[in-house]
Amino acid sequence: MIRLILVVILVALSVTFFLQNREEQALLHYFGTTSKAPIYKPILSAFGTGLLIMGLLLFPAWIKLRIKVRRTRTALQLAEEELNRLRPPRTPTLARSPLLMRENPEDEDAP
């Protein structure tokens, strides 16, 4: 839940920055070429590129963890089935509490 709140705050701040700086121009120098662009475009493209690279780097680890979780759940389910198979069947018993087993409360003092 905290992550979701942080993401919402980050997106809200980014949107307000982009909206407030629509008219500002940035002079971009890239491999000997020069161009003008609104300042939010290079920032937005850098943010998007960072998200794309992060996603590509974390995707294999995420897949490995999903496979591990699936195997662990399967192993847990098999272990629970084996435990239920090995457990003796339950029979209903009439359980009496120790207080109800006494016939008379006066018998407690008797030797």
N, C-alpha and C. Protein backbone atom coordinates (compact mmCIF):
# COMPACT_ATOMS: atom_id res chain seq x y z
N MET A 1 0.82 -1.18 0.00
CA MET A 1 0.00 0.00 0.00
C MET A 1 0.87 1.25 0.00
N ILE A 2 1.98 1.19 0.74
CA ILE A 2 2.88 2.34 0.79
C ILE A 2 3.51 2.58 -0.58
N ARG A 3 3.85 1.50 -1.28
CA ARG A 3 4.41 1.65 -2.62
C ARG A 3 3.43 2.33 -3.56
N LEU A 4 2.18 1.95 -3.47
CA LEU A 4 1.16 2.55 -4.32
C LEU A 4 1.02 4.04 -4.04
N ILE A 5 1.04 4.41 -2.78
CA ILE A 5 0.95 5.83 -2.41
C ILE A 5 2.16 6.59 -2.95
N LEU A 6 3.36 6.00 -2.82
CA LEU A 6 4.56 6.66 -3.33
C LEU A 6 4.52 6.81 -4.85
N VAL A 7 4.04 5.80 -5.55
CA VAL A 7 3.94 5.89 -7.01
C VAL A 7 2.94 6.96 -7.42
N VAL A 8 1.80 7.03 -6.72
CA VAL A 8 0.79 8.05 -7.04
C VAL A 8 1.36 9.45 -6.80
N ILE A 9 2.09 9.64 -5.71
CA ILE A 9 2.71 10.94 -5.43
C ILE A 9 3.73 11.28 -6.51
N LEU A 10 4.56 10.32 -6.91
CA LEU A 10 5.57 10.56 -7.94
C LEU A 10 4.92 10.91 -9.27
N VAL A 11 3.88 10.21 -9.64
CA VAL A 11 3.19 10.50 -10.90
C VAL A 11 2.52 11.87 -10.84
N ALA A 12 1.91 12.21 -9.71
CA ALA A 12 1.26 13.51 -9.58
C ALA A 12 2.28 14.64 -9.68
N LEU A 13 3.42 14.49 -9.02
CA LEU A 13 4.47 15.52 -9.12
C LEU A 13 5.01 15.63 -10.54
N SER A 14 5.18 14.51 -11.22
CA SER A 14 5.67 14.54 -12.59
C SER A 14 4.68 15.23 -13.52
N VAL A 15 3.40 14.92 -13.38
CA VAL A 15 2.38 15.53 -14.24
C VAL A 15 2.32 17.03 -14.00
N THR A 16 2.38 17.45 -12.74
CA THR A 16 2.35 18.90 -12.48
C THR A 16 3.59 19.58 -13.04
N PHE A 17 4.76 18.93 -12.97
CA PHE A 17 5.97 19.50 -13.55
C PHE A 17 5.83 19.64 -15.06
N PHE A 18 5.32 18.61 -15.71
CA PHE A 18 5.17 18.65 -17.17
C PHE A 18 4.18 19.72 -17.58
N LEU A 19 3.09 19.86 -16.84
CA LEU A 19 2.07 20.85 -17.20
C LEU A 19 2.55 22.27 -16.96
N GLN A 20 3.33 22.50 -15.92
CA GLN A 20 3.81 23.85 -15.62
C GLN A 20 4.94 24.29 -16.54
N ASN A 21 5.64 23.35 -17.17
CA ASN A 21 6.80 23.69 -18.00
C ASN A 21 6.57 23.38 -19.47
N ARG A 22 5.35 23.54 -19.94
CA ARG A 22 5.07 23.27 -21.35
C ARG A 22 5.74 24.28 -22.28
N GLU A 23 5.81 25.52 -21.85
CA GLU A 23 6.34 26.55 -22.73
C GLU A 23 7.86 26.71 -22.65
N GLU A 24 8.47 26.21 -21.60
CA GLU A 24 9.92 26.33 -21.45
C GLU A 24 10.62 25.51 -22.54
N GLN A 25 11.63 26.10 -23.15
CA GLN A 25 12.37 25.42 -24.22
C GLN A 25 13.74 24.99 -23.69
N ALA A 26 14.18 23.86 -24.15
CA ALA A 26 15.50 23.35 -23.79
C ALA A 26 16.31 23.21 -25.08
N LEU A 27 17.56 23.57 -25.01
CA LEU A 27 18.46 23.44 -26.15
C LEU A 27 19.21 22.13 -25.98
N LEU A 28 19.00 21.20 -26.88
CA LEU A 28 19.57 19.86 -26.77
C LEU A 28 20.75 19.71 -27.72
N HIS A 29 21.87 19.27 -27.18
CA HIS A 29 23.06 18.99 -27.98
C HIS A 29 23.29 17.48 -27.92
N TYR A 30 23.27 16.84 -29.09
CA TYR A 30 23.43 15.38 -29.11
C TYR A 30 24.23 15.00 -30.35
N PHE A 31 25.44 14.51 -30.17
CA PHE A 31 26.35 14.10 -31.23
C PHE A 31 26.50 15.18 -32.30
N GLY A 32 26.74 16.37 -31.86
CA GLY A 32 27.00 17.46 -32.79
C GLY A 32 25.77 18.13 -33.36
N THR A 33 24.58 17.62 -33.07
CA THR A 33 23.36 18.27 -33.56
C THR A 33 22.75 19.08 -32.42
N THR A 34 22.08 20.14 -32.79
CA THR A 34 21.42 20.99 -31.81
C THR A 34 19.95 21.11 -32.19
N SER A 35 19.09 20.98 -31.19
CA SER A 35 17.66 21.14 -31.45
C SER A 35 16.99 21.73 -30.22
N LYS A 36 15.83 22.33 -30.45
CA LYS A 36 15.04 22.88 -29.35
C LYS A 36 13.84 21.98 -29.13
N ALA A 37 13.49 21.81 -27.86
CA ALA A 37 12.33 20.99 -27.50
C ALA A 37 11.79 21.52 -26.18
N PRO A 38 10.49 21.32 -25.94
CA PRO A 38 9.97 21.67 -24.61
C PRO A 38 10.72 20.87 -23.54
N ILE A 39 10.96 21.48 -22.42
CA ILE A 39 11.82 20.88 -21.40
C ILE A 39 11.26 19.57 -20.85
N TYR A 40 9.96 19.41 -20.89
CA TYR A 40 9.38 18.19 -20.32
C TYR A 40 9.64 16.97 -21.21
N LYS A 41 9.87 17.17 -22.50
CA LYS A 41 10.09 16.02 -23.39
C LYS A 41 11.37 15.26 -23.08
N PRO A 42 12.54 15.93 -22.92
CA PRO A 42 13.73 15.15 -22.57
C PRO A 42 13.62 14.48 -21.20
N ILE A 43 12.96 15.16 -20.26
CA ILE A 43 12.81 14.57 -18.93
C ILE A 43 11.88 13.36 -19.00
N LEU A 44 10.77 13.50 -19.72
CA LEU A 44 9.83 12.40 -19.87
C LEU A 44 10.45 11.23 -20.61
N SER A 45 11.24 11.52 -21.64
CA SER A 45 11.89 10.43 -22.38
C SER A 45 12.94 9.72 -21.52
N ALA A 46 13.67 10.47 -20.69
CA ALA A 46 14.65 9.84 -19.79
C ALA A 46 13.94 8.97 -18.76
N PHE A 47 12.82 9.46 -18.24
CA PHE A 47 12.05 8.69 -17.27
C PHE A 47 11.52 7.40 -17.91
N GLY A 48 10.97 7.51 -19.11
CA GLY A 48 10.45 6.33 -19.82
C GLY A 48 11.55 5.34 -20.16
N THR A 49 12.70 5.85 -20.59
CA THR A 49 13.83 4.97 -20.90
C THR A 49 14.30 4.24 -19.64
N GLY A 50 14.34 4.95 -18.53
CA GLY A 50 14.73 4.31 -17.27
C GLY A 50 13.76 3.21 -16.86
N LEU A 51 12.46 3.47 -17.03
CA LEU A 51 11.47 2.44 -16.73
C LEU A 51 11.63 1.22 -17.63
N LEU A 52 11.88 1.47 -18.91
CA LEU A 52 12.05 0.37 -19.86
C LEU A 52 13.28 -0.48 -19.51
N ILE A 53 14.39 0.17 -19.23
CA ILE A 53 15.61 -0.57 -18.88
C ILE A 53 15.42 -1.32 -17.57
N MET A 54 14.78 -0.69 -16.58
CA MET A 54 14.52 -1.36 -15.31
C MET A 54 13.65 -2.59 -15.53
N GLY A 55 12.61 -2.44 -16.34
CA GLY A 55 11.74 -3.57 -16.62
C GLY A 55 12.47 -4.71 -17.30
N LEU A 56 13.33 -4.39 -18.26
CA LEU A 56 14.09 -5.43 -18.95
C LEU A 56 15.08 -6.13 -18.01
N LEU A 57 15.66 -5.40 -17.09
CA LEU A 57 16.62 -6.00 -16.16
C LEU A 57 15.93 -6.83 -15.08
N LEU A 58 14.74 -6.43 -14.65
CA LEU A 58 14.07 -7.14 -13.56
C LEU A 58 13.16 -8.26 -14.04
N PHE A 59 12.84 -8.31 -15.32
CA PHE A 59 11.92 -9.31 -15.84
C PHE A 59 12.42 -10.75 -15.62
N PRO A 60 13.69 -11.08 -15.93
CA PRO A 60 14.14 -12.47 -15.69
C PRO A 60 14.06 -12.88 -14.22
N ALA A 61 14.43 -11.99 -13.31
CA ALA A 61 14.36 -12.31 -11.88
C ALA A 61 12.91 -12.51 -11.46
N TRP A 62 12.00 -11.71 -12.00
CA TRP A 62 10.59 -11.84 -11.68
C TRP A 62 10.05 -13.19 -12.16
N ILE A 63 10.44 -13.61 -13.35
CA ILE A 63 10.01 -14.91 -13.89
C ILE A 63 10.56 -16.04 -13.02
N LYS A 64 11.83 -15.96 -12.63
CA LYS A 64 12.42 -16.99 -11.76
C LYS A 64 11.67 -17.10 -10.44
N LEU A 65 11.33 -15.96 -9.85
CA LEU A 65 10.60 -15.98 -8.59
C LEU A 65 9.20 -16.57 -8.76
N ARG A 66 8.53 -16.27 -9.86
CA ARG A 66 7.20 -16.84 -10.11
C ARG A 66 7.29 -18.36 -10.24
N ILE A 67 8.32 -18.86 -10.94
CA ILE A 67 8.51 -20.31 -11.07
C ILE A 67 8.79 -20.93 -9.71
N LYS A 68 9.62 -20.28 -8.90
CA LYS A 68 9.95 -20.79 -7.58
C LYS A 68 8.71 -20.83 -6.68
N VAL A 69 7.89 -19.80 -6.74
CA VAL A 69 6.66 -19.77 -5.95
C VAL A 69 5.72 -20.88 -6.37
N ARG A 70 5.61 -21.11 -7.68
CA ARG A 70 4.73 -22.18 -8.17
C ARG A 70 5.23 -23.55 -7.69
N ARG A 71 6.54 -23.77 -7.75
CA ARG A 71 7.09 -25.06 -7.28
C ARG A 71 6.89 -25.22 -5.78
N THR A 72 7.08 -24.14 -5.03
CA THR A 72 6.91 -24.22 -3.59
C THR A 72 5.46 -24.50 -3.21
N ARG A 73 4.53 -23.86 -3.91
CA ARG A 73 3.11 -24.13 -3.63
C ARG A 73 2.74 -25.56 -3.97
N THR A 74 3.28 -26.08 -5.07
CA THR A 74 3.01 -27.46 -5.43
C THR A 74 3.58 -28.41 -4.38
N ALA A 75 4.81 -28.14 -3.94
CA ALA A 75 5.42 -28.99 -2.90
C ALA A 75 4.62 -28.92 -1.60
N LEU A 76 4.15 -27.75 -1.25
CA LEU A 76 3.34 -27.60 -0.04
C LEU A 76 2.03 -28.36 -0.16
N GLN A 77 1.41 -28.28 -1.31
CA GLN A 77 0.15 -29.01 -1.52
C GLN A 77 0.37 -30.52 -1.44
N LEU A 78 1.47 -31.00 -2.04
CA LEU A 78 1.77 -32.44 -1.96
C LEU A 78 2.05 -32.86 -0.52
N ALA A 79 2.78 -32.03 0.22
CA ALA A 79 3.08 -32.35 1.61
C ALA A 79 1.81 -32.38 2.46
N GLU A 80 0.89 -31.44 2.21
CA GLU A 80 -0.38 -31.44 2.95
C GLU A 80 -1.21 -32.67 2.61
N GLU A 81 -1.22 -33.08 1.34
CA GLU A 81 -1.96 -34.28 0.96
C GLU A 81 -1.37 -35.52 1.63
N GLU A 82 -0.02 -35.61 1.67
CA GLU A 82 0.62 -36.75 2.31
C GLU A 82 0.35 -36.75 3.81
N LEU A 83 0.38 -35.57 4.42
CA LEU A 83 0.09 -35.47 5.85
C LEU A 83 -1.34 -35.90 6.14
N ASN A 84 -2.28 -35.49 5.33
CA ASN A 84 -3.67 -35.91 5.52
C ASN A 84 -3.84 -37.41 5.30
N ARG A 85 -3.07 -37.96 4.39
CA ARG A 85 -3.15 -39.40 4.12
C ARG A 85 -2.56 -40.20 5.28
N LEU A 86 -1.48 -39.71 5.89
CA LEU A 86 -0.82 -40.43 6.98
C LEU A 86 -1.48 -40.19 8.33
N ARG A 87 -2.25 -39.17 8.46
CA ARG A 87 -2.91 -38.84 9.71
C ARG A 87 -4.00 -39.87 9.98
N PRO A 88 -4.12 -40.35 11.23
CA PRO A 88 -5.17 -41.32 11.52
C PRO A 88 -6.55 -40.65 11.41
N PRO A 89 -7.54 -41.42 11.04
CA PRO A 89 -8.87 -40.82 10.92
C PRO A 89 -9.39 -40.36 12.26
N ARG A 90 -10.10 -39.29 12.26
CA ARG A 90 -10.64 -38.75 13.50
C ARG A 90 -11.94 -39.45 13.83
N THR A 91 -12.07 -39.80 15.10
CA THR A 91 -13.32 -40.38 15.57
C THR A 91 -13.90 -39.44 16.60
N PRO A 92 -15.19 -39.24 16.57
CA PRO A 92 -15.77 -38.33 17.56
C PRO A 92 -15.69 -38.95 18.95
N THR A 93 -15.16 -38.20 19.86
CA THR A 93 -15.05 -38.67 21.24
C THR A 93 -15.82 -37.70 22.13
N LEU A 94 -16.32 -38.25 23.20
CA LEU A 94 -17.01 -37.43 24.17
C LEU A 94 -15.99 -36.95 25.19
N ALA A 95 -15.64 -35.71 25.07
CA ALA A 95 -14.64 -35.16 25.97
C ALA A 95 -15.35 -34.48 27.12
N ARG A 96 -14.87 -34.79 28.30
CA ARG A 96 -15.43 -34.16 29.50
C ARG A 96 -14.33 -33.35 30.15
N SER A 97 -14.68 -32.20 30.59
CA SER A 97 -13.69 -31.38 31.26
C SER A 97 -13.42 -31.96 32.65
N PRO A 98 -12.26 -31.69 33.23
CA PRO A 98 -11.95 -32.23 34.56
C PRO A 98 -12.94 -31.77 35.63
N LEU A 99 -13.53 -30.63 35.47
CA LEU A 99 -14.50 -30.17 36.47
C LEU A 99 -15.77 -31.00 36.42
N LEU A 100 -16.16 -31.43 35.23
CA LEU A 100 -17.37 -32.22 35.10
C LEU A 100 -17.16 -33.68 35.51
N MET A 101 -15.91 -34.13 35.58
CA MET A 101 -15.64 -35.52 35.92
C MET A 101 -15.84 -35.77 37.41
N ARG A 102 -15.76 -34.73 38.21
CA ARG A 102 -15.97 -34.91 39.64
C ARG A 102 -17.45 -35.11 39.91
N GLU A 103 -17.71 -36.06 40.77
CA GLU A 103 -19.12 -36.31 41.08
C GLU A 103 -19.64 -35.31 42.09
N ASN A 104 -18.87 -35.11 43.13
CA ASN A 104 -19.29 -34.17 44.17
C ASN A 104 -18.12 -33.22 44.48
N PRO A 105 -18.39 -31.94 44.61
CA PRO A 105 -17.29 -31.03 44.96
C PRO A 105 -16.76 -31.30 46.36
N GLU A 106 -17.56 -31.96 47.22
CA GLU A 106 -17.08 -32.22 48.57
C GLU A 106 -16.01 -33.30 48.58
N ASP A 107 -15.93 -34.12 47.52
CA ASP A 107 -14.96 -35.21 47.47
C ASP A 107 -13.52 -34.71 47.34
N GLU A 108 -13.34 -33.45 47.03
CA GLU A 108 -11.98 -32.93 46.86
C GLU A 108 -11.19 -32.97 48.15
N ASP A 109 -11.85 -32.75 49.26
CA ASP A 109 -11.15 -32.71 50.54
C ASP A 109 -10.90 -34.10 51.10
N ALA A 110 -11.54 -35.06 50.58
CA ALA A 110 -11.39 -36.42 51.11
C ALA A 110 -10.05 -36.97 50.67
N PRO A 111 -9.40 -37.77 51.58
CA PRO A 111 -8.09 -38.35 51.23
C PRO A 111 -8.17 -39.48 50.26
